[in-house]
PDB file of N, CA and C in Angstrom:
ATOM      1  N   MET A   1       0.857  -1.124   0.005  1.00  0.00           N
ATOM      2  CA  MET A   1       0.083   0.147   0.097  1.00  0.00           C
ATOM      3  C   MET A   1       0.916   1.317   0.043  1.00  0.00           C
ATOM      4  N   LYS A   2       0.678   2.148  -0.991  1.00  0.00           N
ATOM      5  CA  LYS A   2       1.570   3.261  -1.147  1.00  0.00           C
ATOM      6  C   LYS A   2       0.672   4.267  -0.685  1.00  0.00           C
ATOM      7  N   ILE A   3       1.312   5.228   0.099  1.00  0.00           N
ATOM      8  CA  ILE A   3       0.577   6.322   0.739  1.00  0.00           C
ATOM      9  C   ILE A   3       1.262   7.722  -0.031  1.00  0.00           C
ATOM     10  N   GLU A   4       0.329   8.474  -0.615  1.00  0.00           N
ATOM     11  CA  GLU A   4       0.693   9.743  -1.383  1.00  0.00           C
ATOM     12  C   GLU A   4       0.586  10.934  -0.423  1.00  0.00           C
ATOM     13  N   TYR A   5       1.435  11.795  -0.465  1.00  0.00           N
ATOM     14  CA  TYR A   5       1.481  12.935   0.357  1.00  0.00           C
ATOM     15  C   TYR A   5       1.432  14.315  -0.492  1.00  0.00           C
ATOM     16  N   THR A   6       0.896  15.424   0.086  1.00  0.00           N
ATOM     17  CA  THR A   6       0.774  16.741  -0.472  1.00  0.00           C
ATOM     18  C   THR A   6       1.546  17.588   0.298  1.00  0.00           C
ATOM     19  N   LYS A   7       2.421  18.554  -0.108  1.00  0.00           N
ATOM     20  CA  LYS A   7       3.275  19.432   0.526  1.00  0.00           C
ATOM     21  C   LYS A   7       2.626  20.620   0.718  1.00  0.00           C
ATOM     22  N   VAL A   8       2.112  20.949   2.117  1.00  0.00           N
ATOM     23  CA  VAL A   8       1.510  22.168   2.656  1.00  0.00           C
ATOM     24  C   VAL A   8       2.460  23.024   3.564  1.00  0.00           C
ATOM     25  N   GLY A   9       2.803  23.996   2.718  1.00  0.00           N
ATOM     26  CA  GLY A   9       3.995  24.915   3.655  1.00  0.00           C
ATOM     27  C   GLY A   9       5.129  23.978   3.673  1.00  0.00           C
ATOM     28  N   ASP A  10       5.509  23.766   5.051  1.00  0.00           N
ATOM     29  CA  ASP A  10       6.892  22.998   5.210  1.00  0.00           C
ATOM     30  C   ASP A  10       6.626  21.553   5.645  1.00  0.00           C
ATOM     31  N   TYR A  11       5.193  21.116   5.445  1.00  0.00           N
ATOM     32  CA  TYR A  11       5.062  19.891   5.926  1.00  0.00           C
ATOM     33  C   TYR A  11       4.332  18.937   4.757  1.00  0.00           C
ATOM     34  N   TYR A  12       4.388  17.835   4.884  1.00  0.00           N
ATOM     35  CA  TYR A  12       3.867  16.850   3.884  1.00  0.00           C
ATOM     36  C   TYR A  12       2.865  16.198   4.785  1.00  0.00           C
ATOM     37  N   LEU A  13       1.517  16.325   4.155  1.00  0.00           N
ATOM     38  CA  LEU A  13       0.419  15.488   4.959  1.00  0.00           C
ATOM     39  C   LEU A  13      -0.146  14.399   4.027  1.00  0.00           C
ATOM     40  N   PRO A  14      -0.658  13.392   4.588  1.00  0.00           N
ATOM     41  CA  PRO A  14      -1.056  12.230   3.679  1.00  0.00           C
ATOM     42  C   PRO A  14      -2.313  12.629   3.118  1.00  0.00           C
ATOM     43  N   ASN A  15      -2.626  12.126   1.850  1.00  0.00           N
ATOM     44  CA  ASN A  15      -3.831  12.289   1.209  1.00  0.00           C
ATOM     45  C   ASN A  15      -4.675  10.978   1.388  1.00  0.00           C
ATOM     46  N   LEU A  16      -5.738  11.416   2.299  1.00  0.00           N
ATOM     47  CA  LEU A  16      -6.635  10.527   2.797  1.00  0.00           C
ATOM     48  C   LEU A  16      -7.844  10.542   1.865  1.00  0.00           C
ATOM     49  N   TYR A  17      -8.416   9.171   1.583  1.00  0.00           N
ATOM     50  CA  TYR A  17      -9.546   8.853   0.692  1.00  0.00           C
ATOM     51  C   TYR A  17     -10.430   7.890   1.348  1.00  0.00           C
ATOM     52  N   TYR A  18     -11.596   8.222   1.715  1.00  0.00           N
ATOM     53  CA  TYR A  18     -12.529   7.529   2.479  1.00  0.00           C
ATOM     54  C   TYR A  18     -13.624   7.069   1.470  1.00  0.00           C
ATOM     55  N   PRO A  19     -13.920   5.722   1.494  1.00  0.00           N
ATOM     56  CA  PRO A  19     -15.140   5.164   0.759  1.00  0.00           C
ATOM     57  C   PRO A  19     -16.380   5.867   1.206  1.00  0.00           C
ATOM     58  N   GLU A  20     -17.003   5.981  -0.004  1.00  0.00           N
ATOM     59  CA  GLU A  20     -18.524   6.893  -0.086  1.00  0.00           C
ATOM     60  C   GLU A  20     -19.456   5.906   0.754  1.00  0.00           C
ATOM     61  N   GLU A  21     -20.209   6.323   1.458  1.00  0.00           N
ATOM     62  CA  GLU A  21     -21.457   5.481   2.065  1.00  0.00           C
ATOM     63  C   GLU A  21     -22.574   5.954   1.320  1.00  0.00           C
ATOM     64  N   THR A  22     -23.218   4.840   0.722  1.00  0.00           N
ATOM     65  CA  THR A  22     -24.568   5.254   0.029  1.00  0.00           C
ATOM     66  C   THR A  22     -25.887   5.288   0.713  1.00  0.00           C
ATOM     67  N   ARG A  23     -25.649   4.549   1.804  1.00  0.00           N
ATOM     68  CA  ARG A  23     -27.066   4.457   2.771  1.00  0.00           C
ATOM     69  C   ARG A  23     -26.990   5.936   3.539  1.00  0.00           C
ATOM     70  N   PRO A  24     -28.325   6.192   3.734  1.00  0.00           N
ATOM     71  CA  PRO A  24     -28.448   7.626   4.397  1.00  0.00           C
ATOM     72  C   PRO A  24     -28.178   7.322   5.934  1.00  0.00           C
ATOM     73  N   ILE A  25     -27.656   8.433   6.691  1.00  0.00           N
ATOM     74  CA  ILE A  25     -27.330   8.258   8.092  1.00  0.00           C
ATOM     75  C   ILE A  25     -28.762   8.608   8.687  1.00  0.00           C
ATOM     76  N   GLY A  26     -29.524   9.607   8.524  1.00  0.00           N
ATOM     77  CA  GLY A  26     -30.777   9.562   8.782  1.00  0.00           C
ATOM     78  C   GLY A  26     -30.879  10.370  10.208  1.00  0.00           C
ATOM     79  N   PHE A  27     -31.960  10.350  10.684  1.00  0.00           N
ATOM     80  CA  PHE A  27     -32.358  11.151  11.852  1.00  0.00           C
ATOM     81  C   PHE A  27     -31.484  10.480  13.082  1.00  0.00           C
ATOM     82  N   TRP A  28     -31.734   9.263  13.437  1.00  0.00           N
ATOM     83  CA  TRP A  28     -31.183   8.464  14.554  1.00  0.00           C
ATOM     84  C   TRP A  28     -29.583   8.529  14.339  1.00  0.00           C
ATOM     85  N   GLY A  29     -29.196   8.369  13.010  1.00  0.00           N
ATOM     86  CA  GLY A  29     -27.469   8.402  12.847  1.00  0.00           C
ATOM     87  C   GLY A  29     -26.926   9.903  13.143  1.00  0.00           C
ATOM     88  N   MET A  30     -27.846  10.772  13.015  1.00  0.00           N
ATOM     89  CA  MET A  30     -27.324  12.024  13.307  1.00  0.00           C
ATOM     90  C   MET A  30     -27.479  12.540  14.649  1.00  0.00           C
ATOM     91  N   LEU A  31     -28.426  11.935  15.519  1.00  0.00           N
ATOM     92  CA  LEU A  31     -28.397  12.260  16.816  1.00  0.00           C
ATOM     93  C   LEU A  31     -27.204  11.508  17.416  1.00  0.00           C
ATOM     94  N   ARG A  32     -26.783  10.304  17.009  1.00  0.00           N
ATOM     95  CA  ARG A  32     -25.753   9.479  17.578  1.00  0.00           C
ATOM     96  C   ARG A  32     -24.362  10.381  17.248  1.00  0.00           C
ATOM     97  N   LYS A  33     -24.249  10.709  16.000  1.00  0.00           N
ATOM     98  CA  LYS A  33     -23.039  11.665  15.658  1.00  0.00           C
ATOM     99  C   LYS A  33     -22.977  12.738  16.487  1.00  0.00           C
ATOM    100  N   GLU A  34     -23.966  13.475  16.886  1.00  0.00           N
ATOM    101  CA  GLU A  34     -23.855  14.605  17.647  1.00  0.00           C
ATOM    102  C   GLU A  34     -23.306  14.356  19.179  1.00  0.00           C
ATOM    103  N   TYR A  35     -24.100  13.103  19.647  1.00  0.00           N
ATOM    104  CA  TYR A  35     -23.620  12.503  20.929  1.00  0.00           C
ATOM    105  C   TYR A  35     -22.301  12.129  20.873  1.00  0.00           C
ATOM    106  N   LEU A  36     -21.857  11.457  19.874  1.00  0.00           N
ATOM    107  CA  LEU A  36     -20.325  11.153  19.944  1.00  0.00           C
ATOM    108  C   LEU A  36     -19.361  12.171  19.893  1.00  0.00           C
ATOM    109  N   LYS A  37     -19.744  13.480  19.134  1.00  0.00           N
ATOM    110  CA  LYS A  37     -18.903  14.444  19.058  1.00  0.00           C
ATOM    111  C   LYS A  37     -18.777  15.289  20.591  1.00  0.00           C
ATOM    112  N   GLU A  38     -19.936  15.226  21.134  1.00  0.00           N
ATOM    113  CA  GLU A  38     -19.993  16.078  22.474  1.00  0.00           C
ATOM    114  C   GLU A  38     -19.363  15.322  23.621  1.00  0.00           C
ATOM    115  N   HIS A  39     -19.689  13.973  23.688  1.00  0.00           N
ATOM    116  CA  HIS A  39     -19.506  13.237  25.018  1.00  0.00           C
ATOM    117  C   HIS A  39     -18.345  11.960  24.550  1.00  0.00           C
ATOM    118  N   LYS A  40     -18.185  11.649  23.456  1.00  0.00           N
ATOM    119  CA  LYS A  40     -17.212  10.533  23.224  1.00  0.00           C
ATOM    120  C   LYS A  40     -16.327  10.839  22.148  1.00  0.00           C
ATOM    121  N   SER A  41     -15.574  12.083  22.196  1.00  0.00           N
ATOM    122  CA  SER A  41     -14.679  12.501  21.119  1.00  0.00           C
ATOM    123  C   SER A  41     -13.700  11.398  20.778  1.00  0.00           C
ATOM    124  N   GLY A  42     -13.189  10.735  21.661  1.00  0.00           N
ATOM    125  CA  GLY A  42     -12.407   9.554  21.199  1.00  0.00           C
ATOM    126  C   GLY A  42     -12.735   8.614  20.336  1.00  0.00           C
ATOM    127  N   ILE A  43     -13.839   7.982  20.631  1.00  0.00           N
ATOM    128  CA  ILE A  43     -14.641   7.127  19.695  1.00  0.00           C
ATOM    129  C   ILE A  43     -14.841   7.618  18.395  1.00  0.00           C
ATOM    130  N   TYR A  44     -15.421   9.007  18.382  1.00  0.00           N
ATOM    131  CA  TYR A  44     -15.808   9.735  17.219  1.00  0.00           C
ATOM    132  C   TYR A  44     -14.596   9.758  16.416  1.00  0.00           C
ATOM    133  N   THR A  45     -13.481  10.253  16.842  1.00  0.00           N
ATOM    134  CA  THR A  45     -12.180  10.597  16.102  1.00  0.00           C
ATOM    135  C   THR A  45     -11.730   9.294  15.468  1.00  0.00           C
ATOM    136  N   TYR A  46     -11.668   8.276  16.320  1.00  0.00           N
ATOM    137  CA  TYR A  46     -11.292   6.892  15.922  1.00  0.00           C
ATOM    138  C   TYR A  46     -12.166   6.475  14.653  1.00  0.00           C
ATOM    139  N   LEU A  47     -13.388   6.412  14.775  1.00  0.00           N
ATOM    140  CA  LEU A  47     -14.290   5.939  13.535  1.00  0.00           C
ATOM    141  C   LEU A  47     -14.222   6.947  12.493  1.00  0.00           C
ATOM    142  N   LEU A  48     -13.983   8.178  12.716  1.00  0.00           N
ATOM    143  CA  LEU A  48     -13.674   8.953  11.609  1.00  0.00           C
ATOM    144  C   LEU A  48     -12.384   8.726  10.766  1.00  0.00           C
ATOM    145  N   LEU A  49     -11.343   8.584  11.625  1.00  0.00           N
ATOM    146  CA  LEU A  49     -10.031   8.349  10.886  1.00  0.00           C
ATOM    147  C   LEU A  49     -10.024   7.044  10.323  1.00  0.00           C
ATOM    148  N   THR A  50     -10.675   5.994  10.776  1.00  0.00           N
ATOM    149  CA  THR A  50     -10.565   4.706  10.090  1.00  0.00           C
ATOM    150  C   THR A  50     -11.754   4.475   9.179  1.00  0.00           C
ATOM    151  N   ALA A  51     -12.404   5.683   8.646  1.00  0.00           N
ATOM    152  CA  ALA A  51     -13.385   5.613   7.512  1.00  0.00           C
ATOM    153  C   ALA A  51     -14.530   4.724   7.984  1.00  0.00           C
ATOM    154  N   ARG A  52     -14.860   4.519   9.229  1.00  0.00           N
ATOM    155  CA  ARG A  52     -15.874   3.584   9.681  1.00  0.00           C
ATOM    156  C   ARG A  52     -17.256   4.587  10.016  1.00  0.00           C
ATOM    157  N   LEU A  53     -16.978   5.796  10.461  1.00  0.00           N
ATOM    158  CA  LEU A  53     -18.065   6.513  10.907  1.00  0.00           C
ATOM    159  C   LEU A  53     -19.399   6.468  10.093  1.00  0.00           C
ATOM    160  N   ASP A  54     -19.363   6.774   8.936  1.00  0.00           N
ATOM    161  CA  ASP A  54     -20.500   6.864   8.071  1.00  0.00           C
ATOM    162  C   ASP A  54     -21.391   5.313   8.113  1.00  0.00           C
ATOM    163  N   SER A  55     -20.516   4.269   7.918  1.00  0.00           N
ATOM    164  CA  SER A  55     -21.305   2.968   8.020  1.00  0.00           C
ATOM    165  C   SER A  55     -21.712   2.749   9.218  1.00  0.00           C
ATOM    166  N   TYR A  56     -20.976   3.014  10.343  1.00  0.00           N
ATOM    167  CA  TYR A  56     -21.480   2.835  11.480  1.00  0.00           C
ATOM    168  C   TYR A  56     -22.790   3.762  11.972  1.00  0.00           C
ATOM    169  N   LEU A  57     -22.985   4.918  11.561  1.00  0.00           N
ATOM    170  CA  LEU A  57     -24.074   5.544  11.651  1.00  0.00           C
ATOM    171  C   LEU A  57     -25.170   5.128  10.811  1.00  0.00           C
ATOM    172  N   ALA A  58     -25.051   4.729   9.530  1.00  0.00           N
ATOM    173  CA  ALA A  58     -25.916   4.193   8.622  1.00  0.00           C
ATOM    174  C   ALA A  58     -26.743   2.861   9.328  1.00  0.00           C
ATOM    175  N   ASP A  59     -25.512   1.994   9.775  1.00  0.00           N
ATOM    176  CA  ASP A  59     -26.240   0.741  10.430  1.00  0.00           C
ATOM    177  C   ASP A  59     -27.078   1.108  11.659  1.00  0.00           C
ATOM    178  N   LEU A  60     -26.390   2.054  12.672  1.00  0.00           N
ATOM    179  CA  LEU A  60     -27.226   2.472  13.758  1.00  0.00           C
ATOM    180  C   LEU A  60     -28.581   2.887  13.463  1.00  0.00           C
ATOM    181  N   ASN A  61     -28.721   3.688  12.363  1.00  0.00           N
ATOM    182  CA  ASN A  61     -29.870   4.389  11.891  1.00  0.00           C
ATOM    183  C   ASN A  61     -30.835   3.325  11.393  1.00  0.00           C
ATOM    184  N   GLU A  62     -30.494   2.357  10.726  1.00  0.00           N
ATOM    185  CA  GLU A  62     -31.492   1.314  10.453  1.00  0.00           C
ATOM    186  C   GLU A  62     -31.962   0.442  11.472  1.00  0.00           C
ATOM    187  N   GLN A  63     -31.121   0.323  12.533  1.00  0.00           N
ATOM    188  CA  GLN A  63     -31.605  -0.605  13.540  1.00  0.00           C
ATOM    189  C   GLN A  63     -32.429   0.106  14.279  1.00  0.00           C
ATOM    190  N   ALA A  64     -32.181   1.429  14.781  1.00  0.00           N
ATOM    191  CA  ALA A  64     -33.190   2.300  15.504  1.00  0.00           C
ATOM    192  C   ALA A  64     -34.431   2.376  14.849  1.00  0.00           C
ATOM    193  N   GLN A  65     -34.351   2.700  13.528  1.00  0.00           N
ATOM    194  CA  GLN A  65     -35.691   2.903  12.766  1.00  0.00           C
ATOM    195  C   GLN A  65     -36.500   1.535  12.964  1.00  0.00           C
ATOM    196  N   GLU A  66     -36.091   0.360  12.783  1.00  0.00           N
ATOM    197  CA  GLU A  66     -36.647  -0.768  12.884  1.00  0.00           C
ATOM    198  C   GLU A  66     -37.201  -0.933  14.265  1.00  0.00           C
ATOM    199  N   CYS A  67     -36.518  -0.672  15.372  1.00  0.00           N
ATOM    200  CA  CYS A  67     -37.134  -0.606  16.677  1.00  0.00           C
ATOM    201  C   CYS A  67     -37.976   0.270  16.904  1.00  0.00           C
ATOM    202  N   PHE A  68     -37.959   1.610  16.267  1.00  0.00           N
ATOM    203  CA  PHE A  68     -39.016   2.630  16.556  1.00  0.00           C
ATOM    204  C   PHE A  68     -40.340   2.205  15.836  1.00  0.00           C
ATOM    205  N   GLU A  69     -40.066   1.546  14.640  1.00  0.00           N
ATOM    206  CA  GLU A  69     -41.401   1.105  13.997  1.00  0.00           C
ATOM    207  C   GLU A  69     -42.192  -0.036  14.762  1.00  0.00           C
ATOM    208  N   LEU A  70     -41.186  -0.920  15.091  1.00  0.00           N
ATOM    209  CA  LEU A  70     -41.964  -2.283  15.977  1.00  0.00           C
ATOM    210  C   LEU A  70     -42.485  -1.667  17.023  1.00  0.00           C
ATOM    211  N   ILE A  71     -41.996  -0.776  17.944  1.00  0.00           N
ATOM    212  CA  ILE A  71     -42.421  -0.262  19.203  1.00  0.00           C
ATOM    213  C   ILE A  71     -43.588   0.507  18.919  1.00  0.00           C
ATOM    214  N   GLU A  72     -43.837   1.374  18.133  1.00  0.00           N
ATOM    215  CA  GLU A  72     -45.017   2.084  17.558  1.00  0.00           C
ATOM    216  C   GLU A  72     -46.040   1.074  17.281  1.00  0.00           C
ATOM    217  N   ALA A  73     -45.828   0.241  16.495  1.00  0.00           N
ATOM    218  CA  ALA A  73     -46.906  -0.659  16.015  1.00  0.00           C
ATOM    219  C   ALA A  73     -47.395  -1.621  17.204  1.00  0.00           C
ATOM    220  N   GLN A  74     -46.569  -2.036  18.085  1.00  0.00           N
ATOM    221  CA  GLN A  74     -47.018  -2.743  19.343  1.00  0.00           C
ATOM    222  C   GLN A  74     -47.791  -1.877  20.205  1.00  0.00           C
ATOM    223  N   MET A  75     -47.344  -0.488  20.349  1.00  0.00           N
ATOM    224  CA  MET A  75     -48.130   0.378  21.183  1.00  0.00           C
ATOM    225  C   MET A  75     -49.606   0.641  20.638  1.00  0.00           C
ATOM    226  N   LYS A  76     -49.566   0.760  19.154  1.00  0.00           N
ATOM    227  CA  LYS A  76     -50.866   0.979  18.693  1.00  0.00           C
ATOM    228  C   LYS A  76     -51.998  -0.092  18.904  1.00  0.00           C
ATOM    229  N   SER A  77     -51.439  -1.248  18.677  1.00  0.00           N
ATOM    230  CA  SER A  77     -52.074  -2.566  18.663  1.00  0.00           C
ATOM    231  C   SER A  77     -52.688  -2.761  20.277  1.00  0.00           C
ATOM    232  N   SER A  78     -51.837  -2.511  21.364  1.00  0.00           N
ATOM    233  CA  SER A  78     -52.267  -2.669  22.671  1.00  0.00           C
ATOM    234  C   SER A  78     -53.096  -1.659  23.114  1.00  0.00           C
ATOM    235  N   GLU A  79     -52.996  -0.284  22.473  1.00  0.00           N
ATOM    236  CA  GLU A  79     -53.950   0.707  22.959  1.00  0.00           C
ATOM    237  C   GLU A  79     -55.037   0.817  22.163  1.00  0.00           C
ATOM    238  N   GLY A  80     -55.334   0.201  21.237  1.00  0.00           N
ATOM    239  CA  GLY A  80     -56.468   0.147  20.521  1.00  0.00           C
ATOM    240  C   GLY A  80     -56.641   1.171  19.361  1.00  0.00           C
ATOM    241  N   VAL A  81     -55.594   1.664  18.997  1.00  0.00           N
ATOM    242  CA  VAL A  81     -55.432   2.745  18.071  1.00  0.00           C
ATOM    243  C   VAL A  81     -55.542   1.970  16.538  1.00  0.00           C
ATOM    244  N   THR A  82     -56.735   1.874  15.923  1.00  0.00           N
ATOM    245  CA  THR A  82     -57.116   1.366  14.788  1.00  0.00           C
ATOM    246  C   THR A  82     -57.560   2.298  13.650  1.00  0.00           C
ATOM    247  N   GLU A  83     -57.974   1.494  12.501  1.00  0.00           N
ATOM    248  CA  GLU A  83     -58.511   2.565  11.347  1.00  0.00           C
ATOM    249  C   GLU A  83     -60.013   2.688  11.717  1.00  0.00           C
ATOM    250  N   GLU A  84     -60.378   1.931  12.609  1.00  0.00           N
ATOM    251  CA  GLU A  84     -61.872   2.155  12.984  1.00  0.00           C
ATOM    252  C   GLU A  84     -61.927   3.438  13.727  1.00  0.00           C
ATOM    253  N   LEU A  85     -60.988   3.637  14.563  1.00  0.00           N
ATOM    254  CA  LEU A  85     -60.932   4.962  15.650  1.00  0.00           C
ATOM    255  C   LEU A  85     -60.703   6.068  14.399  1.00  0.00           C
ATOM    256  N   LYS A  86     -59.836   5.749  13.450  1.00  0.00           N
ATOM    257  CA  LYS A  86     -59.476   7.064  12.473  1.00  0.00           C
ATOM    258  C   LYS A  86     -60.675   7.213  11.753  1.00  0.00           C
ATOM    259  N   ARG A  87     -61.572   6.296  11.423  1.00  0.00           N
ATOM    260  CA  ARG A  87     -62.883   6.813  10.922  1.00  0.00           C
ATOM    261  C   ARG A  87     -63.861   7.462  11.598  1.00  0.00           C
ATOM    262  N   GLN A  88     -63.988   7.031  12.822  1.00  0.00           N
ATOM    263  CA  GLN A  88     -64.759   7.440  13.852  1.00  0.00           C
ATOM    264  C   GLN A  88     -64.614   8.943  14.311  1.00  0.00           C
ATOM    265  N   ASN A  89     -63.370   9.142  14.891  1.00  0.00           N
ATOM    266  CA  ASN A  89     -62.831  10.275  15.480  1.00  0.00           C
ATOM    267  C   ASN A  89     -61.440  10.510  15.128  1.00  0.00           C
ATOM    268  N   PRO A  90     -61.382  11.173  13.968  1.00  0.00           N
ATOM    269  CA  PRO A  90     -59.963  11.413  13.420  1.00  0.00           C
ATOM    270  C   PRO A  90     -59.121  12.325  14.280  1.00  0.00           C
ATOM    271  N   MET A  91     -59.625  13.152  14.970  1.00  0.00           N
ATOM    272  CA  MET A  91     -58.647  14.053  15.860  1.00  0.00           C
ATOM    273  C   MET A  91     -58.228  13.268  17.089  1.00  0.00           C
ATOM    274  N   GLU A  92     -59.174  12.500  17.675  1.00  0.00           N
ATOM    275  CA  GLU A  92     -58.612  11.576  18.784  1.00  0.00           C
ATOM    276  C   GLU A  92     -57.433  10.485  18.188  1.00  0.00           C
ATOM    277  N   TRP A  93     -57.745   9.910  16.892  1.00  0.00           N
ATOM    278  CA  TRP A  93     -56.648   9.063  16.575  1.00  0.00           C
ATOM    279  C   TRP A  93     -55.429   9.860  16.299  1.00  0.00           C
ATOM    280  N   VAL A  94     -55.470  10.999  15.866  1.00  0.00           N
ATOM    281  CA  VAL A  94     -54.076  11.852  15.603  1.00  0.00           C
ATOM    282  C   VAL A  94     -53.415  12.048  16.917  1.00  0.00           C
ATOM    283  N   ARG A  95     -54.401  12.234  17.936  1.00  0.00           N
ATOM    284  CA  ARG A  95     -53.775  12.549  19.282  1.00  0.00           C
ATOM    285  C   ARG A  95     -53.105  11.348  19.898  1.00  0.00           C
ATOM    286  N   HIS A  96     -53.798  10.160  19.817  1.00  0.00           N
ATOM    287  CA  HIS A  96     -53.047   8.967  20.111  1.00  0.00           C
ATOM    288  C   HIS A  96     -51.815   8.753  19.346  1.00  0.00           C
ATOM    289  N   CYS A  97     -51.925   8.915  17.994  1.00  0.00           N
ATOM    290  CA  CYS A  97     -50.648   8.418  17.250  1.00  0.00           C
ATOM    291  C   CYS A  97     -49.541   9.289  17.593  1.00  0.00           C
ATOM    292  N   ASN A  98     -49.860  10.709  17.626  1.00  0.00           N
ATOM    293  CA  ASN A  98     -48.764  11.492  18.183  1.00  0.00           C
ATOM    294  C   ASN A  98     -48.015  11.287  19.594  1.00  0.00           C
ATOM    295  N   ASN A  99     -48.933  10.818  20.408  1.00  0.00           N
ATOM    296  CA  ASN A  99     -48.515  10.588  21.853  1.00  0.00           C
ATOM    297  C   ASN A  99     -47.395   9.138  21.816  1.00  0.00           C
ATOM    298  N   ILE A 100     -48.128   8.182  20.919  1.00  0.00           N
ATOM    299  CA  ILE A 100     -47.286   7.005  20.718  1.00  0.00           C
ATOM    300  C   ILE A 100     -46.097   7.271  20.129  1.00  0.00           C
ATOM    301  N   ARG A 101     -46.084   8.079  19.104  1.00  0.00           N
ATOM    302  CA  ARG A 101     -44.918   8.344  18.361  1.00  0.00           C
ATOM    303  C   ARG A 101     -43.782   9.200  19.179  1.00  0.00           C
ATOM    304  N   ASN A 102     -44.317  10.062  20.207  1.00  0.00           N
ATOM    305  CA  ASN A 102     -43.484  10.596  21.127  1.00  0.00           C
ATOM    306  C   ASN A 102     -42.776   9.615  21.972  1.00  0.00           C
ATOM    307  N   ARG A 103     -43.606   8.778  22.715  1.00  0.00           N
ATOM    308  CA  ARG A 103     -43.116   7.862  23.616  1.00  0.00           C
ATOM    309  C   ARG A 103     -42.229   6.838  22.786  1.00  0.00           C
ATOM    310  N   ALA A 104     -42.530   6.606  21.668  1.00  0.00           N
ATOM    311  CA  ALA A 104     -41.439   5.365  21.072  1.00  0.00           C
ATOM    312  C   ALA A 104     -40.177   6.093  20.696  1.00  0.00           C
ATOM    313  N   ALA A 105     -40.192   7.253  20.314  1.00  0.00           N
ATOM    314  CA  ALA A 105     -38.911   8.124  20.113  1.00  0.00           C
ATOM    315  C   ALA A 105     -38.186   8.328  21.367  1.00  0.00           C
ATOM    316  N   GLU A 106     -38.919   8.544  22.549  1.00  0.00           N
ATOM    317  CA  GLU A 106     -38.179   8.704  23.901  1.00  0.00           C
ATOM    318  C   GLU A 106     -37.580   7.439  24.207  1.00  0.00           C
ATOM    319  N   ILE A 107     -38.001   6.095  23.936  1.00  0.00           N
ATOM    320  CA  ILE A 107     -37.681   4.855  24.094  1.00  0.00           C
ATOM    321  C   ILE A 107     -36.365   4.628  23.346  1.00  0.00           C
ATOM    322  N   ILE A 108     -36.375   5.049  22.287  1.00  0.00           N
ATOM    323  CA  ILE A 108     -35.146   4.831  21.269  1.00  0.00           C
ATOM    324  C   ILE A 108     -33.979   5.626  21.738  1.00  0.00           C
ATOM    325  N   LYS A 109     -34.405   6.768  21.916  1.00  0.00           N
ATOM    326  CA  LYS A 109     -33.373   7.680  22.382  1.00  0.00           C
ATOM    327  C   LYS A 109     -32.599   7.525  23.762  1.00  0.00           C
TER     328      LYS A 109
END
């Protein structure tokens, strides 16, 4: 493996190339990235320098989104939030759905 360098002033800096991540980082990945930056700077720097940060965040986002959807579906079924309620009383249905969504998001966080 040959490393290429660029001269900047009196110093030679390595040319670093990172593989592009095609999967989206998403909401949960961005939350984790900010947490790592603020509270776990060593882990953040390590993942960034080893070019694994984006794939780590994309994996985490996928897992968190799956858990969120599962928890949301379970809460809806256990609390009786159905399409029938949506037809009978749309505002009550929206209130229940927003409440469930917020609680599921807090669980994931």
